[in-house]
Amino acid sequence: MTKVRILPHSEACPDGAILEIPQGETLCEAMLKSKIPIEHACELSCACTTCHIIVRKGFQSLDEASDKEEDMLDKAWGLESNSRLSCQLVIKDEDLEIELPKYTINMVSEVN
């Protein structure tokens, strides 16, 4: 099991959290199973940026983002060089520390 430390986020995870996640699972799936309400407007299909996260530790251990993920990340609020979409981030064997951005861009909720 890989440990993922989620830094405190005022709305989604005020106290932060430490999750133990099996290798091969996506970070978004694990967060949702753990009742951390990360947005996922496209139902984990890499078609939006609502599950954008920033990897603070362990970024180099991850597989590279696909071209599709990179294209979507270009639209994310608060993009950093170590940003990923949690629906595409497959857990490996190295522990991670992640941060949820302060804001997300959710085109579905923006229209309503």
N, C-alpha and C. Protein backbone atom coordinates (compact mmCIF):
# COMPACT_ATOMS: atom_id res chain seq x y z
N MET A 1 0.84 -1.18 0.00
CA MET A 1 0.00 0.00 0.00
C MET A 1 0.89 1.25 0.00
N THR A 2 0.48 2.20 -0.77
CA THR A 2 1.20 3.46 -0.87
C THR A 2 0.49 4.51 -0.02
N LYS A 3 1.25 5.28 0.72
CA LYS A 3 0.66 6.34 1.54
C LYS A 3 0.63 7.63 0.73
N VAL A 4 -0.54 8.27 0.75
CA VAL A 4 -0.71 9.55 0.10
C VAL A 4 -1.19 10.54 1.16
N ARG A 5 -0.38 11.55 1.39
CA ARG A 5 -0.73 12.60 2.34
C ARG A 5 -1.40 13.72 1.57
N ILE A 6 -2.61 14.07 1.98
CA ILE A 6 -3.35 15.17 1.37
C ILE A 6 -3.25 16.36 2.31
N LEU A 7 -2.69 17.44 1.81
CA LEU A 7 -2.54 18.64 2.63
C LEU A 7 -3.92 19.25 2.92
N PRO A 8 -4.07 19.95 4.03
CA PRO A 8 -5.37 20.53 4.37
C PRO A 8 -5.90 21.45 3.26
N HIS A 9 -7.20 21.32 3.01
CA HIS A 9 -7.94 22.15 2.06
C HIS A 9 -9.18 22.63 2.80
N SER A 10 -9.44 23.92 2.77
CA SER A 10 -10.48 24.51 3.62
C SER A 10 -11.86 23.87 3.44
N GLU A 11 -12.19 23.39 2.27
CA GLU A 11 -13.52 22.81 2.05
C GLU A 11 -13.50 21.29 1.94
N ALA A 12 -12.66 20.76 1.09
CA ALA A 12 -12.70 19.33 0.79
C ALA A 12 -12.09 18.46 1.88
N CYS A 13 -11.08 18.99 2.58
CA CYS A 13 -10.35 18.17 3.55
C CYS A 13 -9.67 19.08 4.57
N PRO A 14 -10.46 19.73 5.44
CA PRO A 14 -9.92 20.77 6.33
C PRO A 14 -8.76 20.33 7.22
N ASP A 15 -8.73 19.08 7.63
CA ASP A 15 -7.67 18.60 8.51
C ASP A 15 -6.57 17.85 7.76
N GLY A 16 -6.70 17.78 6.44
CA GLY A 16 -5.78 16.96 5.68
C GLY A 16 -6.13 15.49 5.90
N ALA A 17 -5.37 14.61 5.27
CA ALA A 17 -5.65 13.18 5.42
C ALA A 17 -4.43 12.39 4.97
N ILE A 18 -4.35 11.18 5.45
CA ILE A 18 -3.36 10.23 4.97
C ILE A 18 -4.13 8.98 4.53
N LEU A 19 -3.98 8.65 3.25
CA LEU A 19 -4.67 7.50 2.69
C LEU A 19 -3.66 6.40 2.39
N GLU A 20 -4.05 5.17 2.56
CA GLU A 20 -3.25 4.03 2.13
C GLU A 20 -3.97 3.45 0.93
N ILE A 21 -3.29 3.50 -0.23
CA ILE A 21 -3.93 3.18 -1.50
C ILE A 21 -3.17 2.04 -2.18
N PRO A 22 -3.89 1.04 -2.68
CA PRO A 22 -3.21 -0.04 -3.39
C PRO A 22 -2.66 0.44 -4.73
N GLN A 23 -1.53 -0.10 -5.12
CA GLN A 23 -0.94 0.23 -6.41
C GLN A 23 -1.92 -0.14 -7.52
N GLY A 24 -1.97 0.72 -8.55
CA GLY A 24 -2.83 0.46 -9.69
C GLY A 24 -4.15 1.20 -9.64
N GLU A 25 -4.54 1.71 -8.47
CA GLU A 25 -5.78 2.47 -8.34
C GLU A 25 -5.48 3.94 -8.67
N THR A 26 -6.47 4.65 -9.20
CA THR A 26 -6.24 6.07 -9.44
C THR A 26 -6.45 6.84 -8.14
N LEU A 27 -5.78 7.96 -8.05
CA LEU A 27 -5.89 8.80 -6.85
C LEU A 27 -7.32 9.28 -6.66
N CYS A 28 -7.98 9.68 -7.73
CA CYS A 28 -9.35 10.18 -7.61
C CYS A 28 -10.28 9.10 -7.04
N GLU A 29 -10.18 7.89 -7.55
CA GLU A 29 -11.01 6.79 -7.04
C GLU A 29 -10.77 6.59 -5.55
N ALA A 30 -9.51 6.60 -5.15
CA ALA A 30 -9.18 6.39 -3.74
C ALA A 30 -9.71 7.52 -2.86
N MET A 31 -9.62 8.75 -3.34
CA MET A 31 -10.12 9.87 -2.56
C MET A 31 -11.64 9.78 -2.40
N LEU A 32 -12.33 9.43 -3.46
CA LEU A 32 -13.78 9.30 -3.38
C LEU A 32 -14.19 8.18 -2.44
N LYS A 33 -13.48 7.05 -2.48
CA LYS A 33 -13.76 5.94 -1.56
C LYS A 33 -13.55 6.36 -0.12
N SER A 34 -12.62 7.28 0.09
CA SER A 34 -12.30 7.76 1.44
C SER A 34 -13.16 8.96 1.85
N LYS A 35 -14.17 9.25 1.06
CA LYS A 35 -15.14 10.33 1.36
C LYS A 35 -14.51 11.72 1.30
N ILE A 36 -13.45 11.87 0.50
CA ILE A 36 -12.88 13.19 0.26
C ILE A 36 -13.54 13.71 -1.01
N PRO A 37 -14.36 14.75 -0.90
CA PRO A 37 -15.22 15.17 -2.01
C PRO A 37 -14.49 15.95 -3.11
N ILE A 38 -13.62 15.28 -3.82
CA ILE A 38 -12.94 15.92 -4.94
C ILE A 38 -13.92 15.97 -6.12
N GLU A 39 -13.96 17.10 -6.79
CA GLU A 39 -14.85 17.21 -7.95
C GLU A 39 -14.36 16.27 -9.04
N HIS A 40 -15.30 15.77 -9.82
CA HIS A 40 -14.99 14.88 -10.93
C HIS A 40 -16.13 14.93 -11.94
N ALA A 41 -16.29 16.09 -12.56
CA ALA A 41 -17.44 16.37 -13.41
C ALA A 41 -17.55 15.45 -14.62
N CYS A 42 -16.45 14.93 -15.12
CA CYS A 42 -16.49 14.10 -16.32
C CYS A 42 -16.53 12.61 -15.98
N GLU A 43 -16.76 12.29 -14.72
CA GLU A 43 -16.81 10.89 -14.28
C GLU A 43 -15.52 10.13 -14.58
N LEU A 44 -14.38 10.79 -14.35
CA LEU A 44 -13.05 10.18 -14.43
C LEU A 44 -12.62 9.81 -15.84
N SER A 45 -13.09 10.56 -16.84
CA SER A 45 -12.77 10.21 -18.23
C SER A 45 -11.75 11.14 -18.88
N CYS A 46 -11.08 11.97 -18.09
CA CYS A 46 -10.05 12.88 -18.61
C CYS A 46 -10.65 13.87 -19.62
N ALA A 47 -11.84 14.39 -19.29
CA ALA A 47 -12.50 15.33 -20.19
C ALA A 47 -12.77 16.68 -19.52
N CYS A 48 -12.20 16.89 -18.33
CA CYS A 48 -12.34 18.18 -17.65
C CYS A 48 -11.13 18.38 -16.74
N THR A 49 -11.14 19.40 -15.91
CA THR A 49 -10.02 19.65 -15.01
C THR A 49 -10.44 19.72 -13.54
N THR A 50 -11.64 19.28 -13.23
CA THR A 50 -12.15 19.46 -11.87
C THR A 50 -11.39 18.64 -10.83
N CYS A 51 -10.71 17.58 -11.23
CA CYS A 51 -9.98 16.75 -10.26
C CYS A 51 -8.48 17.09 -10.24
N HIS A 52 -8.14 18.27 -10.74
CA HIS A 52 -6.75 18.75 -10.77
C HIS A 52 -6.16 18.75 -9.36
N ILE A 53 -4.96 18.21 -9.23
CA ILE A 53 -4.22 18.25 -7.97
C ILE A 53 -2.77 18.64 -8.27
N ILE A 54 -2.05 19.01 -7.22
CA ILE A 54 -0.64 19.35 -7.34
C ILE A 54 0.14 18.35 -6.49
N VAL A 55 1.09 17.69 -7.10
CA VAL A 55 1.91 16.70 -6.39
C VAL A 55 3.10 17.43 -5.78
N ARG A 56 3.14 17.52 -4.46
CA ARG A 56 4.21 18.23 -3.76
C ARG A 56 5.42 17.34 -3.48
N LYS A 57 5.21 16.04 -3.29
CA LYS A 57 6.31 15.10 -3.07
C LYS A 57 6.00 13.81 -3.81
N GLY A 58 7.02 13.26 -4.47
CA GLY A 58 6.87 11.99 -5.16
C GLY A 58 6.54 12.11 -6.64
N PHE A 59 6.53 13.31 -7.18
CA PHE A 59 6.13 13.53 -8.57
C PHE A 59 6.97 12.71 -9.55
N GLN A 60 8.27 12.64 -9.30
CA GLN A 60 9.18 11.96 -10.24
C GLN A 60 8.91 10.45 -10.32
N SER A 61 8.24 9.88 -9.33
CA SER A 61 7.97 8.45 -9.34
C SER A 61 6.79 8.06 -10.22
N LEU A 62 6.03 9.03 -10.67
CA LEU A 62 4.81 8.77 -11.43
C LEU A 62 5.10 8.58 -12.92
N ASP A 63 4.21 7.84 -13.59
CA ASP A 63 4.28 7.77 -15.04
C ASP A 63 4.01 9.15 -15.60
N GLU A 64 4.54 9.43 -16.78
CA GLU A 64 4.29 10.72 -17.42
C GLU A 64 2.82 10.84 -17.79
N ALA A 65 2.33 12.08 -17.78
CA ALA A 65 0.96 12.34 -18.20
C ALA A 65 0.83 12.08 -19.70
N SER A 66 -0.33 11.59 -20.11
CA SER A 66 -0.60 11.39 -21.53
C SER A 66 -0.78 12.74 -22.21
N ASP A 67 -0.74 12.75 -23.53
CA ASP A 67 -0.98 13.99 -24.28
C ASP A 67 -2.37 14.54 -23.98
N LYS A 68 -3.35 13.65 -23.86
CA LYS A 68 -4.73 14.08 -23.56
C LYS A 68 -4.79 14.76 -22.19
N GLU A 69 -4.13 14.16 -21.20
CA GLU A 69 -4.11 14.77 -19.87
C GLU A 69 -3.40 16.11 -19.90
N GLU A 70 -2.27 16.20 -20.60
CA GLU A 70 -1.55 17.47 -20.72
C GLU A 70 -2.42 18.55 -21.36
N ASP A 71 -3.17 18.16 -22.39
CA ASP A 71 -4.07 19.12 -23.05
C ASP A 71 -5.13 19.63 -22.09
N MET A 72 -5.68 18.75 -21.27
CA MET A 72 -6.69 19.16 -20.30
C MET A 72 -6.06 20.03 -19.21
N LEU A 73 -4.89 19.66 -18.74
CA LEU A 73 -4.23 20.42 -17.68
C LEU A 73 -3.96 21.86 -18.10
N ASP A 74 -3.73 22.09 -19.38
CA ASP A 74 -3.52 23.46 -19.86
C ASP A 74 -4.69 24.37 -19.54
N LYS A 75 -5.86 23.79 -19.27
CA LYS A 75 -7.07 24.56 -18.98
C LYS A 75 -7.34 24.70 -17.47
N ALA A 76 -6.51 24.07 -16.65
CA ALA A 76 -6.75 24.04 -15.20
C ALA A 76 -6.39 25.36 -14.53
N TRP A 77 -7.15 25.69 -13.49
CA TRP A 77 -6.84 26.87 -12.68
C TRP A 77 -5.63 26.55 -11.81
N GLY A 78 -4.67 27.46 -11.73
CA GLY A 78 -3.53 27.29 -10.84
C GLY A 78 -2.54 26.23 -11.29
N LEU A 79 -2.43 26.03 -12.59
CA LEU A 79 -1.54 25.00 -13.13
C LEU A 79 -0.10 25.22 -12.68
N GLU A 80 0.55 24.14 -12.27
CA GLU A 80 1.96 24.15 -11.90
C GLU A 80 2.67 23.04 -12.66
N SER A 81 3.98 23.06 -12.67
CA SER A 81 4.73 22.04 -13.42
C SER A 81 4.51 20.64 -12.87
N ASN A 82 4.08 20.53 -11.62
CA ASN A 82 3.83 19.24 -11.01
C ASN A 82 2.32 18.97 -10.81
N SER A 83 1.51 19.56 -11.68
CA SER A 83 0.06 19.34 -11.66
C SER A 83 -0.28 18.04 -12.38
N ARG A 84 -1.34 17.40 -11.91
CA ARG A 84 -1.88 16.20 -12.56
C ARG A 84 -3.39 16.20 -12.39
N LEU A 85 -4.06 15.40 -13.20
CA LEU A 85 -5.47 15.12 -12.99
C LEU A 85 -5.53 13.85 -12.15
N SER A 86 -6.21 13.91 -11.03
CA SER A 86 -6.20 12.75 -10.12
C SER A 86 -6.89 11.53 -10.72
N CYS A 87 -7.77 11.75 -11.71
CA CYS A 87 -8.42 10.61 -12.36
C CYS A 87 -7.46 9.85 -13.27
N GLN A 88 -6.33 10.46 -13.60
CA GLN A 88 -5.34 9.84 -14.48
C GLN A 88 -4.08 9.42 -13.73
N LEU A 89 -3.96 9.82 -12.49
CA LEU A 89 -2.77 9.53 -11.69
C LEU A 89 -2.91 8.14 -11.07
N VAL A 90 -2.19 7.19 -11.62
CA VAL A 90 -2.22 5.81 -11.13
C VAL A 90 -1.17 5.67 -10.03
N ILE A 91 -1.61 5.17 -8.90
CA ILE A 91 -0.73 5.02 -7.74
C ILE A 91 0.33 3.96 -8.02
N LYS A 92 1.57 4.35 -7.72
CA LYS A 92 2.72 3.44 -7.86
C LYS A 92 3.18 3.05 -6.45
N ASP A 93 4.47 2.75 -6.28
CA ASP A 93 4.94 2.26 -4.99
C ASP A 93 5.60 3.33 -4.11
N GLU A 94 5.73 4.56 -4.59
CA GLU A 94 6.35 5.61 -3.79
C GLU A 94 5.28 6.49 -3.15
N ASP A 95 5.47 6.81 -1.86
CA ASP A 95 4.53 7.67 -1.15
C ASP A 95 4.47 9.05 -1.81
N LEU A 96 3.30 9.68 -1.71
CA LEU A 96 3.06 10.98 -2.33
C LEU A 96 2.53 11.97 -1.30
N GLU A 97 2.72 13.23 -1.60
CA GLU A 97 2.08 14.31 -0.86
C GLU A 97 1.42 15.19 -1.91
N ILE A 98 0.13 15.46 -1.73
CA ILE A 98 -0.58 16.24 -2.73
C ILE A 98 -1.33 17.41 -2.10
N GLU A 99 -1.61 18.36 -2.96
CA GLU A 99 -2.38 19.54 -2.55
C GLU A 99 -3.55 19.70 -3.51
N LEU A 100 -4.71 20.01 -2.95
CA LEU A 100 -5.87 20.34 -3.78
C LEU A 100 -5.84 21.84 -4.01
N PRO A 101 -5.96 22.28 -5.27
CA PRO A 101 -5.94 23.72 -5.54
C PRO A 101 -7.12 24.42 -4.85
N LYS A 102 -6.96 25.69 -4.63
CA LYS A 102 -8.01 26.47 -3.97
C LYS A 102 -9.29 26.49 -4.79
N TYR A 103 -9.16 26.53 -6.12
CA TYR A 103 -10.31 26.60 -7.00
C TYR A 103 -10.23 25.52 -8.07
N THR A 104 -11.38 25.21 -8.66
CA THR A 104 -11.43 24.37 -9.85
C THR A 104 -12.30 25.07 -10.88
N ILE A 105 -12.14 24.70 -12.12
CA ILE A 105 -12.99 25.23 -13.18
C ILE A 105 -13.94 24.10 -13.56
N ASN A 106 -15.22 24.29 -13.27
CA ASN A 106 -16.24 23.29 -13.56
C ASN A 106 -17.22 23.89 -14.54
N MET A 107 -17.06 23.57 -15.82
CA MET A 107 -17.90 24.13 -16.87
C MET A 107 -19.36 23.75 -16.69
N VAL A 108 -19.63 22.59 -16.10
CA VAL A 108 -21.02 22.17 -15.90
C VAL A 108 -21.69 23.10 -14.90
N SER A 109 -21.06 23.36 -13.76
CA SER A 109 -21.67 24.22 -12.77
C SER A 109 -21.66 25.68 -13.18
N GLU A 110 -20.72 26.08 -14.04
CA GLU A 110 -20.66 27.45 -14.52
C GLU A 110 -21.85 27.78 -15.41
N VAL A 111 -22.34 26.78 -16.14
CA VAL A 111 -23.45 26.98 -17.08
C VAL A 111 -24.78 27.05 -16.34
N ASN A 112 -24.94 26.27 -15.30
CA ASN A 112 -26.22 26.19 -14.59
C ASN A 112 -26.52 27.43 -13.80
